[in-house]
Amino acid sequence: MLHRETWPVIDYCAHPAFTPHAVALNASFEQEVEALVTQANEALRVRYVADERLPAPELELWLERELVAPFERLRQACAAALPPAHVMTRCVDEALRAAKEDARAEARFRNLVAEPNSARMARTSRAVAQELREQSIVVGQIDQRRLSAMAADLEPQMALLRASQSALRGTRSWRILPRAGLYYRVLQQALDEHGYTGATSAFYGCEMELLSVNLVYSHEREVWWRDCYADCGLPTSPAAYYHHDQDWHQIKAVLYLTPATRETGAFSYIEGGHGFRQGNALAHFYFHLGHEMDRAAAMANVGVPQYYRRGFTDPALRAGFVNLPRVLQGSTHFGDDLHERSPHTTALLARERVVESSSGNVVLFNGGDLLHRGGLVQRGERWSLQLMFGPRVTPARRLLVRAQHTALVAAGRALGWERLDQLRERRRSQRRRP
């Protein structure tokens, strides 16, 4: 099993795309960063394994001392040691700020969840939840007549996706679906029958609900996951897109609407590739560092825009990345960085399990604690629904989030997304000024 101690760690200094840029760092700085990361990880782990839930005021004091403080010291240490004018220094600073808040939110959530009252749960939900706890994944089979009914009802949405600009460009193609209509009623019936919604509540010990449904179109012309290091002459990794999600309080499901095989992008995962979430504050940092690198690449108009980790395709950003302290070099989407000549790639893929539709057409999984991938089509196409379960939100909160999303979309369409991104970055910079 891949416990958190053996969670995939890549030696980027030995990676062909990074080696030319690597330099030796100050040993004391490396040790200081390592110690602070260890302290933050341990604080997060305590909230996972603690039997006693702390009252809110006591929890906040504890978090400030044990979790927030090391993140702040880490941010200050990096600001003092890294080149002040280098774009990667800003990326690290922003990523540490965001990771600190997400780690604090994860710790708060773990302090709130409780053991569910199993007597009130359906037997099916209890069984699914138990399997989800043990393996982080459950594979099921939904009646084909239901799948056909959903696909028929969604045909107009499929036609729009086939003709969309994202599909034509080869970037990821998906649409948020309304949670209403024939397909949704059929979907809810299937979820209830299999006990999936109840299982997510049982898994976390809090009331969960289906928050979103996305229709995903995957096809052989997609380029978003290919050729990360083409500028170095490296082919696409055989482990491309293997990743874990940043989410700490959500459960996902993938439901195939059309037959799925390895060739048509079936969901796959690493057997035993779970159990690393406890005490892993770096999961947040790596996610936000990749996001900041992508933002920097877009702002400078460098890298490959079609590739989903644009920042990693730019040599200058790679040079900054590989000169960070070793423990800060990482990615939630690490599979692309496992080049084909690496023994780690062979070891990882030896445990790969592919969920083809002949063995199961619905996969429920804890994406924040499972190494997985899907939608990488070699030939043909795959239609699927991606479901997101999360803690039930109040009607007021739901309306607020919907209003914020609507305002963001309207602003992006009116100003252009690149211009909007520039304005938001300027606003963040102004708020950070003393």
Protein backbone atom coordinates (compact mmCIF):
# COMPACT_ATOMS: atom_id res chain seq x y z
CA MET A 1 0.00 0.00 0.00
CA LEU A 2 1.15 3.53 -0.73
CA HIS A 3 1.00 5.11 2.72
CA ARG A 4 1.67 8.80 3.14
CA GLU A 5 5.36 8.03 3.78
CA THR A 6 5.66 6.51 0.30
CA TRP A 7 3.34 8.92 -1.48
CA PRO A 8 4.79 9.47 -4.99
CA VAL A 9 7.79 11.78 -4.80
CA ILE A 10 9.68 12.58 -7.99
CA ASP A 11 13.33 13.60 -8.10
CA TYR A 12 12.94 16.53 -10.46
CA CYS A 13 16.65 17.29 -10.28
CA ALA A 14 17.20 13.98 -12.09
CA HIS A 15 14.33 14.49 -14.57
CA PRO A 16 15.60 15.13 -18.13
CA ALA A 17 13.39 18.23 -18.52
CA PHE A 18 14.62 19.78 -15.26
CA THR A 19 18.22 18.57 -14.81
CA PRO A 20 19.83 21.31 -16.96
CA HIS A 21 18.37 23.98 -14.65
CA ALA A 22 19.12 22.44 -11.24
CA VAL A 23 21.58 24.07 -8.84
CA ALA A 24 22.61 23.22 -5.28
CA LEU A 25 20.62 24.99 -2.57
CA ASN A 26 21.70 26.16 0.86
CA ALA A 27 21.60 23.08 3.10
CA SER A 28 20.35 24.95 6.16
CA PHE A 29 17.49 26.48 4.14
CA GLU A 30 16.50 23.00 2.88
CA GLN A 31 16.52 21.66 6.45
CA GLU A 32 14.46 24.59 7.75
CA VAL A 33 11.82 24.08 5.06
CA GLU A 34 11.73 20.33 5.66
CA ALA A 35 11.21 20.84 9.41
CA LEU A 36 8.38 23.35 8.92
CA VAL A 37 6.59 21.11 6.41
CA THR A 38 6.91 18.19 8.83
CA GLN A 39 5.37 20.32 11.59
CA ALA A 40 2.40 21.32 9.39
CA ASN A 41 1.89 17.72 8.29
CA GLU A 42 1.89 16.47 11.85
CA ALA A 43 -0.67 19.09 12.92
CA LEU A 44 -3.00 18.00 10.12
CA ARG A 45 -2.52 14.34 10.99
CA VAL A 46 -3.50 14.98 14.61
CA ARG A 47 -6.91 16.26 13.53
CA TYR A 48 -7.46 13.06 11.52
CA VAL A 49 -6.65 10.64 14.33
CA ALA A 50 -7.85 12.61 17.38
CA ASP A 51 -10.64 10.91 19.31
CA GLU A 52 -11.70 14.14 20.99
CA ARG A 53 -13.28 17.02 19.05
CA LEU A 54 -12.11 20.43 20.22
CA PRO A 55 -14.59 23.26 20.87
CA ALA A 56 -14.39 25.97 18.18
CA PRO A 57 -12.46 28.62 20.22
CA GLU A 58 -9.96 26.05 21.46
CA LEU A 59 -9.60 24.60 17.96
CA GLU A 60 -8.82 28.01 16.45
CA LEU A 61 -6.11 28.69 19.01
CA TRP A 62 -4.63 25.26 18.39
CA LEU A 63 -4.70 25.73 14.61
CA GLU A 64 -2.99 29.12 14.81
CA ARG A 65 -0.19 27.69 16.92
CA GLU A 66 0.30 24.26 15.35
CA LEU A 67 -0.72 24.65 11.69
CA VAL A 68 -0.90 28.29 10.62
CA ALA A 69 2.33 29.34 12.35
CA PRO A 70 4.59 26.87 10.48
CA PHE A 71 3.00 27.88 7.18
CA GLU A 72 3.70 31.54 7.95
CA ARG A 73 7.30 30.82 8.97
CA LEU A 74 7.70 28.76 5.80
CA ARG A 75 6.41 31.64 3.70
CA GLN A 76 8.78 34.07 5.38
CA ALA A 77 11.74 31.72 4.97
CA CYS A 78 11.05 31.30 1.26
CA ALA A 79 10.60 35.04 0.77
CA ALA A 80 13.98 35.67 2.38
CA ALA A 81 15.91 32.92 0.57
CA LEU A 82 14.44 32.82 -2.94
CA PRO A 83 15.34 35.40 -5.63
CA PRO A 84 12.99 38.35 -4.99
CA ALA A 85 12.53 39.26 -8.65
CA HIS A 86 11.87 35.73 -9.92
CA VAL A 87 8.32 34.87 -10.90
CA MET A 88 8.56 31.55 -9.04
CA THR A 89 9.07 33.39 -5.76
CA ARG A 90 5.69 35.05 -6.21
CA CYS A 91 4.15 31.70 -7.21
CA VAL A 92 5.47 30.07 -4.03
CA ASP A 93 4.25 32.93 -1.85
CA GLU A 94 0.74 32.81 -3.31
CA ALA A 95 0.64 29.01 -3.12
CA LEU A 96 1.67 29.00 0.54
CA ARG A 97 -0.98 31.59 1.41
CA ALA A 98 -3.71 29.54 -0.27
CA ALA A 99 -2.40 26.20 1.03
CA LYS A 100 -2.42 27.55 4.60
CA GLU A 101 -6.10 28.45 4.36
CA ASP A 102 -7.05 25.15 2.73
CA ALA A 103 -5.11 23.12 5.30
CA ARG A 104 -6.86 25.05 8.07
CA ALA A 105 -10.26 24.39 6.45
CA GLU A 106 -9.43 20.68 6.13
CA ALA A 107 -8.43 20.51 9.79
CA ARG A 108 -11.68 22.24 10.81
CA PHE A 109 -13.68 19.78 8.76
CA ARG A 110 -11.93 16.77 10.29
CA ASN A 111 -12.64 18.19 13.74
CA LEU A 112 -16.37 18.31 12.94
CA VAL A 113 -17.02 14.96 11.28
CA ALA A 114 -18.23 12.18 13.49
CA GLU A 115 -18.90 8.48 13.38
CA PRO A 116 -22.29 8.03 11.67
CA ASN A 117 -25.25 6.38 13.34
CA SER A 118 -25.10 3.13 11.39
CA ALA A 119 -28.45 1.96 12.75
CA ARG A 120 -30.22 4.64 10.71
CA MET A 121 -28.51 3.74 7.42
CA ALA A 122 -29.67 1.38 4.73
CA ARG A 123 -27.70 -1.84 4.60
CA THR A 124 -26.57 -1.08 1.04
CA SER A 125 -25.16 2.31 2.04
CA ARG A 126 -23.32 0.80 5.00
CA ALA A 127 -21.67 -1.80 2.78
CA VAL A 128 -20.65 0.75 0.14
CA ALA A 129 -19.29 3.14 2.78
CA GLN A 130 -17.21 0.36 4.33
CA GLU A 131 -15.67 -0.54 0.97
CA LEU A 132 -15.01 3.14 0.30
CA ARG A 133 -13.19 3.46 3.63
CA GLU A 134 -11.07 0.39 2.95
CA GLN A 135 -10.14 0.97 -0.70
CA SER A 136 -11.20 4.58 -1.50
CA ILE A 137 -13.10 3.20 -4.52
CA VAL A 138 -16.29 1.24 -5.23
CA VAL A 139 -17.19 -0.12 -8.67
CA GLY A 140 -20.84 -0.85 -9.53
CA GLN A 141 -23.12 -1.72 -12.41
CA ILE A 142 -26.17 0.36 -13.33
CA ASP A 143 -28.92 -1.13 -15.46
CA GLN A 144 -28.28 -0.52 -19.17
CA ARG A 145 -31.85 0.66 -19.74
CA ARG A 146 -31.25 3.52 -17.33
CA LEU A 147 -28.02 4.47 -19.06
CA SER A 148 -29.78 4.48 -22.44
CA ALA A 149 -32.61 6.65 -21.07
CA MET A 150 -30.14 9.18 -19.66
CA ALA A 151 -28.10 9.26 -22.87
CA ALA A 152 -31.22 9.79 -24.99
CA ASP A 153 -32.38 12.66 -22.79
CA LEU A 154 -28.93 14.27 -22.96
CA GLU A 155 -28.50 14.02 -26.73
CA PRO A 156 -29.09 17.79 -27.27
CA GLN A 157 -26.36 18.55 -24.72
CA MET A 158 -24.06 16.06 -26.45
CA ALA A 159 -24.61 17.75 -29.79
CA LEU A 160 -23.60 21.10 -28.28
CA LEU A 161 -20.43 19.61 -26.84
CA ARG A 162 -19.46 17.92 -30.10
CA ALA A 163 -19.65 21.31 -31.86
CA SER A 164 -18.01 23.32 -29.05
CA GLN A 165 -14.76 25.21 -29.49
CA SER A 166 -13.11 23.18 -26.74
CA ALA A 167 -13.85 19.94 -28.61
CA LEU A 168 -12.54 21.41 -31.86
CA ARG A 169 -9.35 22.66 -30.18
CA GLY A 170 -8.74 19.36 -28.46
CA THR A 171 -9.00 20.82 -24.96
CA ARG A 172 -11.25 19.36 -22.28
CA SER A 173 -14.95 19.35 -23.17
CA TRP A 174 -17.61 19.30 -20.47
CA ARG A 175 -20.84 21.01 -19.48
CA ILE A 176 -22.50 21.58 -16.13
CA LEU A 177 -25.92 19.97 -16.33
CA PRO A 178 -29.10 21.19 -14.64
CA ARG A 179 -30.13 18.98 -11.75
CA ALA A 180 -33.59 18.45 -13.20
CA GLY A 181 -35.33 16.62 -16.00
CA LEU A 182 -35.66 13.00 -17.06
CA TYR A 183 -31.96 12.13 -16.95
CA TYR A 184 -31.68 13.50 -13.39
CA ARG A 185 -34.68 11.54 -12.11
CA VAL A 186 -33.26 8.34 -13.59
CA LEU A 187 -29.84 9.14 -12.12
CA GLN A 188 -31.27 9.74 -8.65
CA GLN A 189 -33.15 6.46 -8.79
CA ALA A 190 -29.94 4.61 -9.67
CA LEU A 191 -27.94 6.35 -6.93
CA ASP A 192 -30.59 5.56 -4.33
CA GLU A 193 -30.84 1.94 -5.44
CA HIS A 194 -27.09 1.45 -5.10
CA GLY A 195 -26.90 3.38 -1.82
CA TYR A 196 -24.30 5.81 -3.12
CA THR A 197 -25.59 9.09 -1.71
CA GLY A 198 -26.14 7.50 1.69
CA ALA A 199 -22.67 5.95 1.52
CA THR A 200 -21.02 9.35 1.08
CA SER A 201 -22.81 10.58 4.22
CA ALA A 202 -21.72 7.46 6.06
CA PHE A 203 -18.15 7.88 4.86
CA TYR A 204 -17.76 11.36 6.36
CA GLY A 205 -20.30 11.19 9.15
CA CYS A 206 -22.14 14.29 7.96
CA GLU A 207 -25.08 14.88 5.64
CA MET A 208 -23.91 14.87 2.02
CA GLU A 209 -25.73 15.62 -1.22
CA LEU A 210 -25.15 15.55 -4.95
CA LEU A 211 -23.81 19.03 -5.62
CA SER A 212 -23.09 18.93 -9.35
CA VAL A 213 -23.36 16.80 -12.48
CA ASN A 214 -21.06 17.36 -15.45
CA LEU A 215 -21.40 15.84 -18.91
CA VAL A 216 -17.89 14.99 -20.16
CA TYR A 217 -16.92 14.37 -23.77
CA SER A 218 -13.57 12.60 -24.27
CA HIS A 219 -12.27 11.80 -27.74
CA GLU A 220 -9.16 10.81 -29.66
CA ARG A 221 -8.43 14.31 -30.98
CA GLU A 222 -7.83 15.76 -27.51
CA VAL A 223 -4.38 17.18 -26.88
CA TRP A 224 -4.78 18.64 -23.36
CA TRP A 225 -2.98 15.71 -21.68
CA ARG A 226 -0.27 15.09 -24.28
CA ASP A 227 3.35 16.21 -24.82
CA CYS A 228 4.17 18.06 -21.62
CA TYR A 229 7.89 17.92 -22.34
CA ALA A 230 7.88 17.82 -26.13
CA ASP A 231 10.36 20.74 -26.18
CA CYS A 232 12.89 18.38 -24.56
CA GLY A 233 12.18 15.53 -26.95
CA LEU A 234 10.38 13.46 -24.30
CA PRO A 235 7.27 11.50 -25.33
CA THR A 236 4.04 11.65 -23.34
CA SER A 237 4.45 9.67 -20.14
CA PRO A 238 2.73 6.26 -20.03
CA ALA A 239 1.50 7.43 -16.60
CA ALA A 240 0.13 10.71 -17.97
CA TYR A 241 -2.61 12.41 -15.93
CA TYR A 242 -2.22 10.17 -12.89
CA HIS A 243 -3.16 12.43 -10.02
CA HIS A 244 -5.06 12.88 -6.82
CA ASP A 245 -7.61 15.62 -6.15
CA GLN A 246 -7.07 18.40 -3.68
CA ASP A 247 -10.56 17.90 -2.24
CA TRP A 248 -10.74 16.84 1.39
CA HIS A 249 -14.53 16.82 1.88
CA GLN A 250 -15.96 15.51 -1.38
CA ILE A 251 -16.62 12.21 -3.07
CA LYS A 252 -16.75 11.82 -6.84
CA ALA A 253 -18.38 9.35 -9.18
CA VAL A 254 -17.90 8.62 -12.88
CA LEU A 255 -20.76 7.03 -14.78
CA TYR A 256 -20.19 5.75 -18.33
CA LEU A 257 -22.95 6.63 -20.78
CA THR A 258 -21.16 4.78 -23.59
CA PRO A 259 -18.95 1.65 -23.51
CA ALA A 260 -15.54 2.36 -21.99
CA THR A 261 -12.35 0.39 -22.54
CA ARG A 262 -8.71 1.20 -21.92
CA GLU A 263 -8.55 2.43 -25.53
CA THR A 264 -11.54 4.74 -25.09
CA GLY A 265 -10.35 6.28 -21.84
CA ALA A 266 -11.83 4.10 -19.11
CA PHE A 267 -11.26 5.19 -15.51
CA SER A 268 -8.16 3.62 -13.97
CA TYR A 269 -6.53 3.73 -10.55
CA ILE A 270 -3.53 2.42 -8.65
CA GLU A 271 -4.40 -0.52 -6.45
CA GLY A 272 -3.22 0.36 -2.96
CA GLY A 273 -2.68 3.93 -4.10
CA HIS A 274 -4.48 5.48 -1.15
CA GLY A 275 -3.95 6.16 2.53
CA PHE A 276 -1.62 9.14 1.99
CA ARG A 277 -4.08 11.90 2.85
CA GLN A 278 -3.60 12.00 6.59
CA GLY A 279 -0.91 14.46 7.50
CA ASN A 280 -0.28 15.67 3.95
CA ALA A 281 -0.51 19.46 3.89
CA LEU A 282 1.64 19.43 0.75
CA ALA A 283 -1.39 18.24 -1.22
CA HIS A 284 -2.70 21.79 -0.94
CA PHE A 285 0.59 23.48 -1.70
CA TYR A 286 1.30 21.43 -4.83
CA PHE A 287 -2.18 22.12 -6.17
CA HIS A 288 -1.88 25.88 -5.71
CA LEU A 289 1.73 26.01 -6.94
CA GLY A 290 0.65 24.40 -10.22
CA HIS A 291 -2.23 26.86 -10.47
CA GLU A 292 0.08 29.83 -9.91
CA MET A 293 2.57 28.52 -12.49
CA ASP A 294 -0.25 28.21 -15.02
CA ARG A 295 -1.36 31.75 -14.23
CA ALA A 296 2.19 33.06 -14.63
CA ALA A 297 2.56 31.28 -17.98
CA ALA A 298 -0.74 32.72 -19.23
CA MET A 299 0.14 36.24 -18.09
CA ALA A 300 3.50 36.06 -19.88
CA ASN A 301 2.01 34.23 -22.87
CA VAL A 302 4.52 31.38 -22.65
CA GLY A 303 4.14 27.62 -22.58
CA VAL A 304 1.59 25.50 -24.42
CA PRO A 305 -1.93 26.93 -23.89
CA GLN A 306 -3.73 23.71 -24.82
CA TYR A 307 -1.94 21.62 -22.21
CA TYR A 308 -3.68 21.50 -18.85
CA ARG A 309 -0.50 22.21 -16.81
CA ARG A 310 0.74 25.07 -18.94
CA GLY A 311 3.36 26.23 -16.46
CA PHE A 312 5.31 22.97 -16.71
CA THR A 313 5.77 23.41 -20.46
CA ASP A 314 7.81 26.62 -20.05
CA PRO A 315 11.59 26.14 -19.54
CA ALA A 316 11.94 29.33 -17.47
CA LEU A 317 9.25 28.27 -15.02
CA ARG A 318 10.75 24.78 -14.85
CA ALA A 319 14.10 26.38 -13.97
CA GLY A 320 12.51 28.23 -11.08
CA PHE A 321 10.60 25.14 -9.97
CA VAL A 322 13.64 22.84 -9.80
CA ASN A 323 15.54 25.37 -7.69
CA LEU A 324 12.95 25.32 -4.92
CA PRO A 325 13.69 23.26 -1.80
CA ARG A 326 13.27 19.59 -2.70
CA VAL A 327 10.23 19.07 -0.48
CA LEU A 328 8.39 21.89 -2.29
CA GLN A 329 8.98 20.34 -5.71
CA GLY A 330 5.85 18.38 -6.55
CA SER A 331 2.51 18.22 -8.29
CA THR A 332 -0.90 16.78 -7.50
CA HIS A 333 -0.86 15.68 -11.16
CA PHE A 334 2.46 13.92 -10.95
CA GLY A 335 1.86 11.25 -13.61
CA ASP A 336 2.99 13.47 -16.47
CA ASP A 337 6.37 13.84 -14.74
CA LEU A 338 7.02 10.08 -14.56
CA HIS A 339 8.95 9.75 -17.80
CA GLU A 340 8.99 6.40 -19.54
CA ARG A 341 12.59 5.52 -18.57
CA SER A 342 11.95 5.98 -14.85
CA PRO A 343 11.70 2.80 -12.73
CA HIS A 344 9.05 4.58 -10.65
CA THR A 345 6.81 4.65 -13.72
CA THR A 346 7.07 0.88 -14.17
CA ALA A 347 6.43 0.26 -10.47
CA LEU A 348 3.36 2.50 -10.44
CA LEU A 349 1.78 1.08 -13.59
CA ALA A 350 2.31 -2.49 -12.37
CA ARG A 351 -0.48 -1.77 -9.89
CA GLU A 352 -2.79 -0.04 -12.37
CA ARG A 353 -6.36 -1.34 -12.55
CA VAL A 354 -8.59 -0.27 -15.46
CA VAL A 355 -12.36 -0.17 -14.87
CA GLU A 356 -13.83 -1.08 -18.25
CA SER A 357 -17.60 -0.90 -18.65
CA SER A 358 -17.77 -4.70 -19.02
CA SER A 359 -16.83 -4.98 -15.33
CA GLY A 360 -18.57 -1.84 -14.03
CA ASN A 361 -20.13 1.30 -15.46
CA VAL A 362 -20.12 3.49 -12.36
CA VAL A 363 -17.17 4.29 -10.10
CA LEU A 364 -17.57 5.97 -6.70
CA PHE A 365 -14.25 7.14 -5.28
CA ASN A 366 -12.48 9.40 -2.82
CA GLY A 367 -10.40 11.36 -5.33
CA GLY A 368 -8.50 13.25 -2.64
CA ASP A 369 -7.00 9.99 -1.40
CA LEU A 370 -6.74 7.80 -4.50
CA LEU A 371 -4.25 7.91 -7.37
CA HIS A 372 -6.40 7.82 -10.50
CA ARG A 373 -6.97 9.03 -14.07
CA GLY A 374 -9.53 8.74 -16.86
CA GLY A 375 -10.68 10.15 -20.19
CA LEU A 376 -7.40 9.59 -22.05
CA VAL A 377 -8.82 8.32 -25.34
CA GLN A 378 -6.51 6.61 -27.80
CA ARG A 379 -9.21 5.77 -30.33
CA GLY A 380 -12.89 6.65 -30.56
CA GLU A 381 -14.73 8.58 -27.86
CA ARG A 382 -16.23 8.29 -24.39
CA TRP A 383 -19.28 9.98 -22.92
CA SER A 384 -19.61 10.08 -19.16
CA LEU A 385 -21.19 11.88 -16.25
CA GLN A 386 -18.97 13.19 -13.47
CA LEU A 387 -20.80 13.55 -10.17
CA MET A 388 -19.65 15.55 -7.16
CA PHE A 389 -20.97 14.83 -3.67
CA GLY A 390 -20.29 17.30 -0.87
CA PRO A 391 -21.64 18.47 2.50
CA ARG A 392 -25.20 19.75 2.23
CA VAL A 393 -25.27 23.52 1.92
CA THR A 394 -27.94 25.92 3.10
CA PRO A 395 -30.26 27.53 0.50
CA ALA A 396 -28.75 30.96 1.29
CA ARG A 397 -25.22 29.69 0.71
CA ARG A 398 -26.28 28.01 -2.53
CA LEU A 399 -27.80 31.25 -3.80
CA LEU A 400 -24.66 33.21 -2.87
CA VAL A 401 -22.35 30.79 -4.69
CA ARG A 402 -24.62 30.79 -7.74
CA ALA A 403 -24.67 34.61 -7.79
CA GLN A 404 -20.87 34.79 -7.50
CA HIS A 405 -20.46 32.29 -10.32
CA THR A 406 -22.94 34.17 -12.53
CA ALA A 407 -21.16 37.48 -11.90
CA LEU A 408 -17.76 35.93 -12.68
CA VAL A 409 -18.98 34.41 -15.95
CA ALA A 410 -20.62 37.71 -16.98
CA ALA A 411 -17.42 39.64 -16.24
CA GLY A 412 -15.31 37.14 -18.14
CA ARG A 413 -17.52 37.35 -21.20
CA ALA A 414 -17.67 41.15 -21.09
CA LEU A 415 -13.98 41.85 -20.45
CA GLY A 416 -12.35 38.71 -21.81
CA TRP A 417 -10.98 36.07 -19.45
CA GLU A 418 -7.35 37.16 -19.84
CA ARG A 419 -8.19 40.79 -19.02
CA LEU A 420 -10.33 39.70 -16.06
CA ASP A 421 -7.47 37.56 -14.76
CA GLN A 422 -5.12 40.55 -14.97
CA LEU A 423 -7.54 42.78 -13.04
CA ARG A 424 -8.06 40.16 -10.33
CA GLU A 425 -4.30 39.71 -9.98
CA ARG A 426 -3.83 43.48 -9.65
CA ARG A 427 -6.50 43.59 -6.95
CA ARG A 428 -4.81 40.78 -5.02
CA SER A 429 -1.47 42.60 -5.24
CA GLN A 430 -3.02 45.79 -3.86
CA ARG A 431 -4.52 43.93 -0.92
CA ARG A 432 -1.10 42.45 -0.06
CA ARG A 433 0.61 45.85 0.12
CA PRO A 434 1.39 46.96 3.71
